[in-house]
Amino acid sequence: YDNGILEEAGYFDNNIKNDEWTGNYISGNKKYIGSYIDGKANGLWTYWYDDTLKKSEGSYTLGVKEGEWVEWDPQGNILVSMIYQNGEKWTGRFIDQFFLEGIEKKGLKGLQKT
């Protein structure tokens, strides 16, 4: 940015993003942190609002969303918690609990494909 804050920082290997990358807002607050393997997002990624509260968090496997992803509103309340399998939203039922628009919901024991 013009104020000297790095918009993003990380490593390239043969012009391909690799290893840990961080992004920043113009204010200097962290925007995201995550890693790449051969240019594909991999592992845990965390995103923040400019005021430093978490915005979302979840994992990628070589560029594909995998496992639980949680999103928060600007006040820090959970908006949604969802499960991804191979990049697709899980369409079954959750094991114990999940959140929808900040409200805790109960699921059935065991994952069941619908």
N, C-alpha and C. Protein backbone atom coordinates (compact mmCIF):
# COMPACT_ATOMS: atom_id res chain seq x y z
N TYR A 1 0.84 -1.18 0.00
CA TYR A 1 0.00 0.00 0.00
C TYR A 1 0.88 1.24 0.00
N ASP A 2 0.31 2.39 -0.33
CA ASP A 2 1.06 3.64 -0.36
C ASP A 2 1.62 4.04 1.01
N ASN A 3 1.02 3.52 2.08
CA ASN A 3 1.49 3.88 3.42
C ASN A 3 2.64 2.98 3.91
N GLY A 4 3.13 2.09 3.04
CA GLY A 4 4.25 1.24 3.39
C GLY A 4 3.87 -0.13 3.94
N ILE A 5 2.59 -0.35 4.21
CA ILE A 5 2.13 -1.66 4.69
C ILE A 5 2.10 -2.63 3.51
N LEU A 6 2.66 -3.83 3.72
CA LEU A 6 2.61 -4.86 2.68
C LEU A 6 1.19 -5.40 2.53
N GLU A 7 0.69 -5.42 1.30
CA GLU A 7 -0.64 -5.96 1.07
C GLU A 7 -0.65 -7.46 1.31
N GLU A 8 0.39 -8.14 0.85
CA GLU A 8 0.56 -9.55 1.15
C GLU A 8 2.03 -9.91 1.08
N ALA A 9 2.38 -10.97 1.78
CA ALA A 9 3.78 -11.41 1.81
C ALA A 9 3.82 -12.92 1.87
N GLY A 10 4.78 -13.49 1.17
CA GLY A 10 4.94 -14.94 1.16
C GLY A 10 6.09 -15.33 0.27
N TYR A 11 6.14 -16.60 -0.05
CA TYR A 11 7.24 -17.15 -0.82
C TYR A 11 6.76 -17.67 -2.17
N PHE A 12 7.63 -17.49 -3.17
CA PHE A 12 7.41 -18.05 -4.49
C PHE A 12 8.47 -19.10 -4.76
N ASP A 13 8.08 -20.13 -5.46
CA ASP A 13 9.02 -21.13 -5.95
C ASP A 13 8.73 -21.27 -7.44
N ASN A 14 9.65 -20.79 -8.28
CA ASN A 14 9.44 -20.76 -9.73
C ASN A 14 8.14 -20.02 -10.09
N ASN A 15 7.94 -18.85 -9.50
CA ASN A 15 6.77 -18.00 -9.74
C ASN A 15 5.45 -18.62 -9.30
N ILE A 16 5.49 -19.62 -8.43
CA ILE A 16 4.29 -20.26 -7.90
C ILE A 16 4.29 -20.06 -6.39
N LYS A 17 3.15 -19.65 -5.84
CA LYS A 17 3.05 -19.45 -4.39
C LYS A 17 3.30 -20.76 -3.66
N ASN A 18 4.15 -20.69 -2.64
CA ASN A 18 4.44 -21.84 -1.79
C ASN A 18 4.64 -21.37 -0.36
N ASP A 19 4.41 -22.27 0.58
CA ASP A 19 4.61 -22.01 2.00
C ASP A 19 3.62 -20.97 2.52
N GLU A 20 3.94 -20.36 3.66
CA GLU A 20 3.01 -19.46 4.34
C GLU A 20 2.89 -18.10 3.64
N TRP A 21 1.66 -17.62 3.55
CA TRP A 21 1.35 -16.30 3.01
C TRP A 21 0.48 -15.56 4.01
N THR A 22 0.69 -14.26 4.10
CA THR A 22 -0.15 -13.41 4.93
C THR A 22 -0.63 -12.22 4.11
N GLY A 23 -1.82 -11.78 4.39
CA GLY A 23 -2.37 -10.58 3.77
C GLY A 23 -2.69 -9.57 4.85
N ASN A 24 -2.62 -8.30 4.50
CA ASN A 24 -2.88 -7.23 5.46
C ASN A 24 -3.85 -6.21 4.89
N TYR A 25 -4.59 -5.59 5.79
CA TYR A 25 -5.42 -4.44 5.42
C TYR A 25 -4.52 -3.22 5.35
N ILE A 26 -5.01 -2.16 4.73
CA ILE A 26 -4.25 -0.91 4.63
C ILE A 26 -3.92 -0.35 6.01
N SER A 27 -4.72 -0.71 7.01
CA SER A 27 -4.49 -0.26 8.39
C SER A 27 -3.28 -0.95 9.02
N GLY A 28 -2.84 -2.05 8.41
CA GLY A 28 -1.75 -2.84 8.98
C GLY A 28 -2.24 -4.07 9.71
N ASN A 29 -3.55 -4.15 9.97
CA ASN A 29 -4.11 -5.34 10.62
C ASN A 29 -4.08 -6.52 9.65
N LYS A 30 -3.89 -7.71 10.21
CA LYS A 30 -3.82 -8.92 9.40
C LYS A 30 -5.18 -9.21 8.78
N LYS A 31 -5.16 -9.57 7.49
CA LYS A 31 -6.37 -9.91 6.75
C LYS A 31 -6.54 -11.43 6.64
N TYR A 32 -5.44 -12.14 6.40
CA TYR A 32 -5.49 -13.60 6.32
C TYR A 32 -4.11 -14.18 6.55
N ILE A 33 -4.08 -15.47 6.86
CA ILE A 33 -2.85 -16.24 6.93
C ILE A 33 -3.18 -17.66 6.49
N GLY A 34 -2.32 -18.21 5.66
CA GLY A 34 -2.51 -19.57 5.18
C GLY A 34 -1.30 -19.99 4.37
N SER A 35 -1.32 -21.22 3.93
CA SER A 35 -0.18 -21.76 3.18
C SER A 35 -0.60 -22.29 1.82
N TYR A 36 0.38 -22.36 0.95
CA TYR A 36 0.20 -22.91 -0.39
C TYR A 36 1.17 -24.05 -0.61
N ILE A 37 0.75 -25.00 -1.42
CA ILE A 37 1.63 -26.02 -1.98
C ILE A 37 1.42 -25.97 -3.47
N ASP A 38 2.48 -25.68 -4.20
CA ASP A 38 2.42 -25.58 -5.67
C ASP A 38 1.29 -24.68 -6.15
N GLY A 39 1.10 -23.54 -5.46
CA GLY A 39 0.11 -22.56 -5.88
C GLY A 39 -1.31 -22.85 -5.43
N LYS A 40 -1.52 -23.92 -4.67
CA LYS A 40 -2.86 -24.27 -4.21
C LYS A 40 -2.93 -24.11 -2.69
N ALA A 41 -3.99 -23.46 -2.22
CA ALA A 41 -4.18 -23.29 -0.77
C ALA A 41 -4.19 -24.65 -0.11
N ASN A 42 -3.48 -24.76 1.00
CA ASN A 42 -3.38 -26.04 1.69
C ASN A 42 -3.23 -25.83 3.19
N GLY A 43 -3.97 -26.60 3.97
CA GLY A 43 -3.91 -26.48 5.42
C GLY A 43 -4.88 -25.43 5.94
N LEU A 44 -4.67 -25.05 7.20
CA LEU A 44 -5.56 -24.10 7.87
C LEU A 44 -5.39 -22.69 7.32
N TRP A 45 -6.50 -22.06 7.01
CA TRP A 45 -6.54 -20.65 6.59
C TRP A 45 -7.45 -19.90 7.56
N THR A 46 -6.98 -18.73 7.99
CA THR A 46 -7.75 -17.88 8.88
C THR A 46 -7.86 -16.49 8.26
N TYR A 47 -9.07 -15.93 8.28
CA TYR A 47 -9.34 -14.59 7.75
C TYR A 47 -9.88 -13.73 8.88
N TRP A 48 -9.52 -12.45 8.88
CA TRP A 48 -9.98 -11.53 9.92
C TRP A 48 -10.66 -10.32 9.31
N TYR A 49 -11.56 -9.71 10.12
CA TYR A 49 -12.08 -8.38 9.80
C TYR A 49 -10.97 -7.38 10.11
N ASP A 50 -11.09 -6.18 9.60
CA ASP A 50 -10.05 -5.16 9.80
C ASP A 50 -9.88 -4.78 11.27
N ASP A 51 -10.89 -5.04 12.10
CA ASP A 51 -10.77 -4.72 13.53
C ASP A 51 -10.14 -5.86 14.33
N THR A 52 -9.61 -6.87 13.68
CA THR A 52 -8.89 -8.02 14.23
C THR A 52 -9.76 -9.16 14.73
N LEU A 53 -11.10 -9.07 14.64
CA LEU A 53 -11.95 -10.21 14.97
C LEU A 53 -11.93 -11.20 13.81
N LYS A 54 -12.00 -12.49 14.12
CA LYS A 54 -12.00 -13.51 13.07
C LYS A 54 -13.23 -13.36 12.18
N LYS A 55 -13.00 -13.58 10.89
CA LYS A 55 -14.07 -13.53 9.90
C LYS A 55 -14.46 -14.95 9.47
N SER A 56 -13.45 -15.79 9.18
CA SER A 56 -13.71 -17.19 8.83
C SER A 56 -12.44 -18.00 9.03
N GLU A 57 -12.64 -19.31 9.14
CA GLU A 57 -11.50 -20.20 9.34
C GLU A 57 -11.87 -21.59 8.88
N GLY A 58 -10.93 -22.22 8.20
CA GLY A 58 -11.12 -23.59 7.74
C GLY A 58 -9.90 -24.06 6.99
N SER A 59 -9.96 -25.29 6.52
CA SER A 59 -8.79 -25.89 5.87
C SER A 59 -9.05 -26.20 4.40
N TYR A 60 -7.96 -26.18 3.66
CA TYR A 60 -7.94 -26.60 2.27
C TYR A 60 -7.04 -27.81 2.13
N THR A 61 -7.36 -28.66 1.16
CA THR A 61 -6.47 -29.73 0.75
C THR A 61 -6.19 -29.50 -0.73
N LEU A 62 -5.00 -29.00 -1.02
CA LEU A 62 -4.59 -28.68 -2.39
C LEU A 62 -5.65 -27.90 -3.16
N GLY A 63 -6.10 -26.80 -2.54
CA GLY A 63 -7.01 -25.87 -3.19
C GLY A 63 -8.49 -26.17 -3.03
N VAL A 64 -8.82 -27.25 -2.34
CA VAL A 64 -10.21 -27.66 -2.17
C VAL A 64 -10.59 -27.56 -0.69
N LYS A 65 -11.72 -26.90 -0.38
CA LYS A 65 -12.17 -26.81 1.00
C LYS A 65 -12.44 -28.20 1.55
N GLU A 66 -11.98 -28.42 2.80
CA GLU A 66 -12.12 -29.73 3.42
C GLU A 66 -12.35 -29.57 4.91
N GLY A 67 -13.28 -30.31 5.47
CA GLY A 67 -13.53 -30.27 6.91
C GLY A 67 -14.42 -29.10 7.31
N GLU A 68 -14.32 -28.73 8.59
CA GLU A 68 -15.18 -27.69 9.14
C GLU A 68 -14.71 -26.29 8.76
N TRP A 69 -15.63 -25.46 8.33
CA TRP A 69 -15.40 -24.04 8.08
C TRP A 69 -16.38 -23.25 8.93
N VAL A 70 -15.88 -22.24 9.61
CA VAL A 70 -16.71 -21.42 10.48
C VAL A 70 -16.62 -19.97 10.00
N GLU A 71 -17.76 -19.29 9.99
CA GLU A 71 -17.81 -17.87 9.63
C GLU A 71 -18.43 -17.10 10.79
N TRP A 72 -17.84 -15.94 11.11
CA TRP A 72 -18.32 -15.08 12.19
C TRP A 72 -18.80 -13.76 11.63
N ASP A 73 -19.74 -13.12 12.32
CA ASP A 73 -20.16 -11.77 11.95
C ASP A 73 -19.17 -10.77 12.55
N PRO A 74 -19.28 -9.48 12.20
CA PRO A 74 -18.32 -8.49 12.71
C PRO A 74 -18.33 -8.31 14.23
N GLN A 75 -19.35 -8.83 14.92
CA GLN A 75 -19.39 -8.74 16.37
C GLN A 75 -18.79 -9.98 17.04
N GLY A 76 -18.37 -10.95 16.25
CA GLY A 76 -17.75 -12.16 16.79
C GLY A 76 -18.71 -13.32 17.02
N ASN A 77 -19.96 -13.18 16.58
CA ASN A 77 -20.94 -14.25 16.72
C ASN A 77 -20.83 -15.20 15.54
N ILE A 78 -20.96 -16.49 15.79
CA ILE A 78 -20.89 -17.48 14.70
C ILE A 78 -22.12 -17.32 13.81
N LEU A 79 -21.86 -17.14 12.52
CA LEU A 79 -22.95 -17.09 11.53
C LEU A 79 -23.28 -18.48 11.05
N VAL A 80 -22.25 -19.25 10.72
CA VAL A 80 -22.46 -20.59 10.19
C VAL A 80 -21.22 -21.43 10.43
N SER A 81 -21.45 -22.69 10.69
CA SER A 81 -20.39 -23.68 10.81
C SER A 81 -20.79 -24.81 9.89
N MET A 82 -19.98 -25.08 8.88
CA MET A 82 -20.36 -26.11 7.92
C MET A 82 -19.20 -27.05 7.66
N ILE A 83 -19.52 -28.20 7.15
CA ILE A 83 -18.53 -29.22 6.84
C ILE A 83 -18.43 -29.35 5.32
N TYR A 84 -17.19 -29.41 4.84
CA TYR A 84 -16.94 -29.64 3.41
C TYR A 84 -16.26 -30.99 3.23
N GLN A 85 -16.65 -31.70 2.19
CA GLN A 85 -15.98 -32.92 1.77
C GLN A 85 -15.69 -32.78 0.30
N ASN A 86 -14.40 -32.84 -0.04
CA ASN A 86 -13.96 -32.69 -1.43
C ASN A 86 -14.49 -31.40 -2.07
N GLY A 87 -14.52 -30.33 -1.28
CA GLY A 87 -14.93 -29.03 -1.79
C GLY A 87 -16.42 -28.80 -1.85
N GLU A 88 -17.22 -29.80 -1.50
CA GLU A 88 -18.67 -29.68 -1.53
C GLU A 88 -19.20 -29.58 -0.11
N LYS A 89 -20.24 -28.77 0.08
CA LYS A 89 -20.87 -28.70 1.40
C LYS A 89 -21.48 -30.05 1.73
N TRP A 90 -21.22 -30.50 2.96
CA TRP A 90 -21.77 -31.78 3.41
C TRP A 90 -23.28 -31.67 3.41
N THR A 91 -23.95 -32.65 2.82
CA THR A 91 -25.40 -32.60 2.73
C THR A 91 -26.06 -33.56 3.71
N GLY A 92 -25.26 -34.15 4.59
CA GLY A 92 -25.81 -35.05 5.60
C GLY A 92 -26.14 -34.29 6.87
N ARG A 93 -26.21 -35.01 7.95
CA ARG A 93 -26.52 -34.41 9.24
C ARG A 93 -25.25 -34.35 10.07
N PHE A 94 -25.17 -33.35 10.92
CA PHE A 94 -24.01 -33.15 11.77
C PHE A 94 -24.07 -34.07 12.97
N ILE A 95 -22.90 -34.37 13.52
CA ILE A 95 -22.79 -35.29 14.65
C ILE A 95 -23.49 -34.76 15.89
N ASP A 96 -23.09 -33.62 16.39
CA ASP A 96 -23.63 -33.13 17.66
C ASP A 96 -24.33 -31.80 17.52
N GLN A 97 -23.61 -30.78 17.04
CA GLN A 97 -24.21 -29.46 16.97
C GLN A 97 -23.61 -28.68 15.81
N PHE A 98 -24.33 -27.70 15.39
CA PHE A 98 -23.83 -26.77 14.39
C PHE A 98 -24.54 -25.45 14.63
N PHE A 99 -24.06 -24.42 13.95
CA PHE A 99 -24.62 -23.09 14.14
C PHE A 99 -25.15 -22.57 12.81
N LEU A 100 -26.31 -21.99 12.85
CA LEU A 100 -26.92 -21.38 11.68
C LEU A 100 -27.38 -19.99 12.08
N GLU A 101 -26.81 -18.97 11.45
CA GLU A 101 -27.11 -17.58 11.76
C GLU A 101 -26.94 -17.30 13.25
N GLY A 102 -25.87 -17.87 13.83
CA GLY A 102 -25.53 -17.61 15.21
C GLY A 102 -26.32 -18.38 16.24
N ILE A 103 -27.21 -19.28 15.78
CA ILE A 103 -28.04 -20.06 16.70
C ILE A 103 -27.57 -21.51 16.69
N GLU A 104 -27.31 -22.04 17.90
CA GLU A 104 -26.86 -23.42 18.02
C GLU A 104 -28.00 -24.36 17.65
N LYS A 105 -27.70 -25.34 16.81
CA LYS A 105 -28.67 -26.35 16.40
C LYS A 105 -28.13 -27.72 16.78
N LYS A 106 -28.99 -28.65 17.03
CA LYS A 106 -28.58 -30.01 17.34
C LYS A 106 -28.78 -30.88 16.12
N GLY A 107 -27.85 -31.83 15.92
CA GLY A 107 -27.96 -32.77 14.82
C GLY A 107 -28.18 -34.18 15.36
N LEU A 108 -28.17 -35.13 14.48
CA LEU A 108 -28.33 -36.52 14.89
C LEU A 108 -26.97 -37.13 15.14
N LYS A 109 -26.91 -38.14 15.97
CA LYS A 109 -25.65 -38.85 16.23
C LYS A 109 -25.20 -39.52 14.93
N GLY A 110 -23.92 -39.33 14.60
CA GLY A 110 -23.36 -39.96 13.40
C GLY A 110 -23.69 -39.17 12.14
N LEU A 111 -22.78 -39.18 11.22
CA LEU A 111 -23.01 -38.48 9.95
C LEU A 111 -23.86 -39.38 9.07
N GLN A 112 -24.93 -38.83 8.54
CA GLN A 112 -25.81 -39.60 7.68
C GLN A 112 -25.97 -38.85 6.37
N LYS A 113 -25.71 -39.49 5.29
CA LYS A 113 -25.88 -38.90 3.97
C LYS A 113 -27.35 -38.80 3.67
N THR A 114 -27.80 -37.62 3.18
CA THR A 114 -29.22 -37.47 2.85
C THR A 114 -29.40 -37.53 1.36
